[in-house]
């Protein structure tokens, strides 16, 4: 795992030709299809859903997990995150280097991070390269937001909340589908 500053995250997205930064320079979800749903409350469901979503974005050379907020700061949560980062030689705080760049070989660790974000209620965005149009966001408001560029990927994403019995807040399809 490699760690990036906000500026380096923006550069990485630009280099990978992923247009997912808003006018203020913050990450945003992109896609013609979306499913917006409640996050699971149970730890096992969080872990299972995290694995399903990482596998859904498809095999990647690199995946950027960009943390954008951790508003319900709890010392025990930060201790876990910082210890995981130190295990990779990273000494900077999350605020200084919120980007986490994973290789496909680190997929299992990425799944663990996503499960922690869901559990902790932290905001994070996952972008994979090569970008195939599928990405998702975790949120401190206890929701997940999966977006896709194709109807096929959207059909899979729509099953995430259904499989786990989660409330669906919104599903949107491209008009020309």
Protein backbone atom coordinates (compact mmCIF):
# COMPACT_ATOMS: atom_id res chain seq x y z
CA UNK A 1 0.00 0.00 0.00
CA UNK A 2 1.13 3.51 -0.81
CA UNK A 3 -0.24 6.74 0.69
CA UNK A 4 -1.14 9.96 -1.12
CA UNK A 5 -1.93 13.54 -0.20
CA UNK A 6 -5.14 15.14 -1.51
CA UNK A 7 -3.14 16.79 -4.31
CA UNK A 8 -1.54 13.45 -5.21
CA UNK A 9 -5.00 11.81 -5.25
CA UNK A 10 -6.22 14.43 -7.73
CA UNK A 11 -3.09 13.90 -9.85
CA UNK A 12 -3.58 10.12 -9.78
CA UNK A 13 -7.21 10.45 -10.93
CA UNK A 14 -6.16 12.81 -13.72
CA UNK A 15 -3.33 10.49 -14.78
CA UNK A 16 -5.76 7.54 -14.85
CA UNK A 17 -8.29 9.63 -16.83
CA UNK A 18 -10.95 9.37 -14.10
CA UNK A 19 -13.03 12.55 -13.98
CA UNK A 20 -14.28 12.30 -10.38
CA UNK A 21 -13.25 15.53 -8.66
CA UNK A 22 -15.70 18.35 -8.04
CA UNK A 23 -14.98 22.06 -8.59
CA UNK A 24 -13.56 22.35 -5.05
CA UNK A 25 -11.08 19.51 -5.62
CA UNK A 26 -12.95 16.91 -3.55
CA UNK A 27 -13.74 13.38 -4.77
CA UNK A 28 -17.22 12.68 -6.10
CA UNK A 29 -19.16 9.72 -7.41
CA UNK A 30 -19.63 9.48 -11.18
CA UNK A 31 -21.73 7.23 -13.39
CA UNK A 32 -24.92 7.07 -15.44
CA UNK A 33 -26.43 4.46 -13.12
CA UNK A 34 -26.58 4.59 -9.34
CA UNK A 35 -27.90 2.74 -6.35
CA UNK A 36 -27.96 4.62 -3.07
CA UNK A 37 -28.68 2.45 -0.03
CA UNK A 38 -28.33 2.01 3.73
CA UNK A 39 -25.11 0.60 5.13
CA UNK A 40 -25.39 -2.68 7.04
CA UNK A 41 -25.20 -2.47 10.83
CA UNK A 42 -23.76 -5.94 11.51
CA UNK A 43 -20.00 -6.45 11.25
CA UNK A 44 -20.24 -9.69 9.24
CA UNK A 45 -22.57 -8.06 6.68
CA UNK A 46 -20.20 -5.07 6.44
CA UNK A 47 -17.29 -7.37 5.65
CA UNK A 48 -19.25 -9.46 3.14
CA UNK A 49 -20.58 -6.36 1.36
CA UNK A 50 -17.11 -4.80 1.30
CA UNK A 51 -15.75 -7.91 -0.47
CA UNK A 52 -18.63 -7.96 -2.95
CA UNK A 53 -18.17 -4.30 -3.84
CA UNK A 54 -14.39 -4.55 -4.27
CA UNK A 55 -14.85 -7.58 -6.54
CA UNK A 56 -17.59 -5.69 -8.42
CA UNK A 57 -15.21 -2.93 -9.54
CA UNK A 58 -13.19 -5.69 -11.22
CA UNK A 59 -9.56 -6.62 -11.33
CA UNK A 60 -7.34 -3.55 -11.15
CA UNK A 61 -3.71 -2.56 -11.47
CA UNK A 62 -4.23 0.02 -8.72
CA UNK A 63 -7.18 1.15 -6.62
CA UNK A 64 -7.36 4.47 -4.83
CA UNK A 65 -9.29 4.55 -1.57
CA UNK A 66 -9.57 8.27 -0.87
CA UNK A 67 -10.81 9.07 2.63
CA UNK A 68 -12.53 12.43 2.68
CA UNK A 69 -13.96 12.69 6.20
CA UNK A 70 -14.09 10.91 9.55
CA UNK A 71 -16.42 13.25 11.45
CA UNK A 72 -17.28 10.98 14.39
CA UNK A 73 -13.62 10.89 15.40
CA UNK A 74 -13.07 8.22 18.01
CA UNK A 75 -9.58 7.57 19.42
CA UNK A 76 -9.94 3.78 19.19
CA UNK A 77 -10.89 3.97 15.50
CA UNK A 78 -8.02 6.31 14.69
CA UNK A 79 -5.62 4.05 16.62
CA UNK A 80 -6.57 1.10 14.40
CA UNK A 81 -6.26 3.11 11.17
CA UNK A 82 -2.93 4.64 12.15
CA UNK A 83 -1.53 1.25 13.23
CA UNK A 84 -2.50 -0.26 9.86
CA UNK A 85 -0.78 2.63 8.10
CA UNK A 86 2.35 2.36 10.29
CA UNK A 87 2.58 -1.32 9.34
CA UNK A 88 3.31 0.00 5.81
CA UNK A 89 5.81 2.58 7.04
CA UNK A 90 3.39 5.54 6.93
CA UNK A 91 3.82 8.00 9.79
CA UNK A 92 1.67 10.89 8.50
CA UNK A 93 -1.80 11.47 9.88
CA UNK A 94 -4.90 10.80 7.78
CA UNK A 95 -5.47 14.53 7.28
CA UNK A 96 -2.03 14.82 5.66
CA UNK A 97 -2.23 11.72 3.42
CA UNK A 98 -5.84 10.49 3.11
CA UNK A 99 -5.26 8.49 -0.08
CA UNK A 100 -4.55 4.75 0.11
CA UNK A 101 -3.32 3.15 -3.11
CA UNK A 102 -3.66 -0.64 -3.32
CA UNK A 103 -2.51 -3.18 -5.89
CA UNK A 104 -4.62 -6.19 -6.88
CA UNK A 105 -2.38 -8.34 -4.68
CA UNK A 106 -3.50 -6.19 -1.72
CA UNK A 107 -7.19 -6.71 -2.50
CA UNK A 108 -7.89 -8.50 0.80
CA UNK A 109 -6.43 -5.60 2.78
CA UNK A 110 -8.55 -3.20 0.72
CA UNK A 111 -11.65 -5.24 1.62
CA UNK A 112 -10.69 -4.88 5.29
CA UNK A 113 -10.30 -1.12 4.95
CA UNK A 114 -13.71 -0.80 3.24
CA UNK A 115 -15.32 -2.86 6.03
CA UNK A 116 -13.69 -0.57 8.61
CA UNK A 117 -14.95 2.54 6.82
CA UNK A 118 -18.49 1.17 6.84
CA UNK A 119 -18.18 0.19 10.51
CA UNK A 120 -16.58 3.48 11.60
CA UNK A 121 -18.90 5.63 9.49
CA UNK A 122 -16.05 7.28 7.58
CA UNK A 123 -16.38 8.87 4.13
CA UNK A 124 -14.32 7.20 1.45
CA UNK A 125 -14.33 6.79 -2.33
CA UNK A 126 -12.95 3.82 -4.25
CA UNK A 127 -11.59 4.35 -7.77
CA UNK A 128 -9.97 1.48 -9.68
CA UNK A 129 -7.55 1.62 -12.60
CA UNK A 130 -8.08 0.72 -15.30
CA UNK A 131 -11.37 2.49 -14.70
CA UNK A 132 -14.30 0.47 -16.05
CA UNK A 133 -16.95 2.91 -14.87
CA UNK A 134 -17.81 1.30 -11.52
CA UNK A 135 -17.02 3.02 -8.22
CA UNK A 136 -18.53 3.53 -4.81
CA UNK A 137 -18.61 5.75 -1.74
CA UNK A 138 -18.97 5.01 1.97
CA UNK A 139 -20.43 7.66 4.25
CA UNK A 140 -20.64 8.85 7.84
CA UNK A 141 -24.40 9.11 7.24
CA UNK A 142 -24.54 5.29 7.10
CA UNK A 143 -25.16 4.93 3.39
CA UNK A 144 -23.32 3.45 0.45
CA UNK A 145 -23.48 4.82 -3.06
CA UNK A 146 -22.50 2.61 -6.00
CA UNK A 147 -22.36 4.02 -9.50
CA UNK A 148 -21.76 2.35 -12.84
CA UNK A 149 -21.28 3.31 -16.46
CA UNK A 150 -23.07 0.25 -17.88
CA UNK A 151 -26.45 -1.40 -17.42
CA UNK A 152 -24.70 -4.74 -16.78
CA UNK A 153 -22.65 -3.39 -13.87
CA UNK A 154 -25.71 -1.57 -12.56
CA UNK A 155 -27.70 -4.82 -12.52
CA UNK A 156 -25.06 -6.34 -10.24
CA UNK A 157 -24.88 -3.24 -8.01
CA UNK A 158 -28.66 -3.24 -7.54
CA UNK A 159 -28.35 -6.65 -5.90
CA UNK A 160 -26.07 -5.44 -3.08
CA UNK A 161 -28.82 -3.97 -0.88
CA UNK A 162 -31.33 -6.66 -1.82
CA UNK A 163 -28.98 -9.51 -0.90
CA UNK A 164 -28.32 -7.96 2.51
CA UNK A 165 -31.87 -6.75 3.21
CA UNK A 166 -30.82 -3.08 3.20
CA UNK A 167 -33.08 -0.11 2.57
CA UNK A 168 -32.75 1.37 -0.93
CA UNK A 169 -33.02 5.14 -0.99
CA UNK A 170 -32.67 5.67 -4.73
CA UNK A 171 -31.92 3.84 -7.97
CA UNK A 172 -31.29 5.86 -11.09
CA UNK A 173 -30.75 4.63 -14.64
CA UNK A 174 -29.45 6.52 -17.65
CA UNK A 175 -32.31 7.84 -19.78
CA UNK A 176 -31.18 6.05 -22.94
CA UNK A 177 -31.12 2.58 -21.40
